[in-house]
Structures are given as C-alpha cells and as structure tokens.
Amino acid sequence: MNRMPLVSKTGNFASKLIQSENYSYHGFEVMFDEKVLLAKNTMYWLCAYISGPDSLSGGGGVSAVKCGEVIFAFFESTYVYRANKSNVQVGQFPEFLIA
C-alpha cells in the first residue's frame, strides 16, 4: 500500500461555531490549497494531528455516504483507534466537503 501523502496542510486553525445541514458544532475548517483528485476503487487514509486540550468527538457515524453517483465508504483503522479512540461510528471528523 502506498502511504505517500497526496496533500498536506499545516497551520494553526481556530475553533469556531460551524452550522451544518442538520446541526451546529464547534470545530475548525481545513481547506487544501489545491484540488485532490481521487481514483475510483482506491483506499485513502485521512489523518489529523491535533494538539491542545482534549476535544469533543462526534457520534453516529456511518460506514458509507452516497454523493451523486459516487459512494464514499469508511473503514476501521486499528492504528487510529488506539491513538485517539476514533472509529467509523465515533471520531474527530464530523463532515467532509466534496466538490
């Protein structure tokens, strides 16, 4: 499996109130400087290194989301779960913007 990053973003991101379609939460937005092109039937790994006090994690995650004709499937990572107790149902990423 290739573990070379497609894109990376480093910086300080301030927490703010974010209004999503169904609820609002305090979080931060990270937008990449360039488009990230994803290939069909390819698994990608998204991670964030967050420092500071413990943060709230969300619940009620789903294992797949359909966006137009594309299905995004989410899988467990035993490494990530051990590091921050995140999994498909509970974690640190409440939503993704796909354009």
Protein backbone atom coordinates (compact mmCIF):
# COMPACT_ATOMS: atom_id res chain seq x y z
CA MET A 1 0.00 0.00 0.00
CA ASN A 2 1.38 3.42 -0.97
CA ARG A 3 1.49 5.74 2.06
CA MET A 4 2.80 8.83 0.30
CA PRO A 5 0.64 11.89 1.03
CA LEU A 6 -1.46 13.27 -1.80
CA VAL A 7 -1.76 16.59 0.00
CA SER A 8 -0.83 18.07 3.35
CA LYS A 9 -1.87 21.18 5.28
CA THR A 10 -0.07 22.61 8.30
CA GLY A 11 -1.09 25.60 10.37
CA ASN A 12 -2.99 26.95 13.34
CA PHE A 13 -6.74 26.68 12.97
CA ALA A 14 -9.04 28.45 15.42
CA SER A 15 -12.18 26.70 16.62
CA LYS A 16 -15.44 28.35 15.56
CA LEU A 17 -19.15 27.60 15.51
CA ILE A 18 -19.94 25.72 12.30
CA GLN A 19 -23.52 25.33 11.07
CA SER A 20 -24.00 22.12 9.10
CA GLU A 21 -27.14 20.93 7.35
CA ASN A 22 -28.57 19.18 10.43
CA TYR A 23 -26.77 20.66 13.46
CA SER A 24 -24.12 23.10 14.64
CA TYR A 25 -20.86 22.33 16.44
CA HIS A 26 -17.57 23.94 17.41
CA GLY A 27 -14.75 22.86 15.13
CA PHE A 28 -12.38 24.14 12.51
CA GLU A 29 -12.27 24.10 8.73
CA VAL A 30 -9.20 22.94 6.84
CA MET A 31 -9.22 23.59 3.10
CA PHE A 32 -6.42 22.28 0.91
CA ASP A 33 -4.63 24.76 -1.38
CA GLU A 34 -5.08 22.57 -4.45
CA LYS A 35 -7.63 20.05 -5.68
CA VAL A 36 -7.18 16.47 -4.55
CA LEU A 37 -8.10 14.02 -7.29
CA LEU A 38 -9.22 10.63 -6.00
CA ALA A 39 -9.12 7.44 -8.07
CA LYS A 40 -12.04 5.01 -8.26
CA ASN A 41 -11.80 1.84 -6.11
CA THR A 42 -8.80 3.19 -4.19
CA MET A 43 -8.50 3.38 -0.42
CA TYR A 44 -7.22 6.63 1.12
CA TRP A 45 -6.28 7.45 4.69
CA LEU A 46 -7.10 10.84 6.21
CA CYS A 47 -5.46 11.86 9.45
CA ALA A 48 -5.08 14.96 11.59
CA TYR A 49 -2.51 15.68 14.26
CA ILE A 50 -4.28 17.91 16.76
CA SER A 51 -2.55 19.40 19.79
CA GLY A 52 -4.09 21.13 22.77
CA PRO A 53 -6.67 20.11 25.33
CA ASP A 54 -8.92 17.11 24.77
CA SER A 55 -11.66 17.81 22.26
CA LEU A 56 -15.20 16.59 21.91
CA SER A 57 -15.74 13.73 19.48
CA GLY A 58 -18.87 13.09 17.49
CA GLY A 59 -21.04 10.01 17.38
CA GLY A 60 -23.45 8.38 14.98
CA GLY A 61 -21.01 7.97 12.10
CA VAL A 62 -21.95 5.94 9.05
CA SER A 63 -19.94 3.41 7.06
CA ALA A 64 -20.89 4.80 3.61
CA VAL A 65 -22.23 8.01 2.07
CA LYS A 66 -23.53 8.48 -1.48
CA CYS A 67 -22.75 11.81 -3.16
CA GLY A 68 -24.23 11.93 -6.66
CA GLU A 69 -23.01 8.77 -8.40
CA VAL A 70 -20.06 8.31 -6.02
CA ILE A 71 -20.13 6.22 -2.83
CA PHE A 72 -17.61 7.05 -0.11
CA ALA A 73 -17.03 4.08 2.20
CA PHE A 74 -15.33 4.42 5.61
CA PHE A 75 -13.31 1.65 7.22
CA GLU A 76 -11.83 1.00 10.64
CA SER A 77 -8.15 1.68 11.27
CA THR A 78 -6.78 -0.15 14.29
CA TYR A 79 -3.83 2.26 14.48
CA VAL A 80 -6.04 5.36 14.64
CA TYR A 81 -8.41 3.83 17.18
CA ARG A 82 -5.54 3.08 19.55
CA ALA A 83 -4.14 6.59 19.10
CA ASN A 84 -7.30 8.63 19.71
CA LYS A 85 -10.27 6.24 20.20
CA SER A 86 -11.76 7.14 16.79
CA ASN A 87 -13.57 4.69 14.55
CA VAL A 88 -16.32 4.80 11.93
CA GLN A 89 -19.06 5.48 14.49
CA VAL A 90 -17.17 7.87 16.81
CA GLY A 91 -14.47 10.30 15.79
CA GLN A 92 -12.98 13.66 15.07
CA PHE A 93 -14.24 14.37 11.51
CA PRO A 94 -17.89 15.47 11.55
CA GLU A 95 -18.14 16.19 7.83
CA PHE A 96 -16.22 16.47 4.54
CA LEU A 97 -16.73 18.95 1.70
CA ILE A 98 -16.60 17.18 -1.66
CA ALA A 99 -16.73 19.30 -4.81
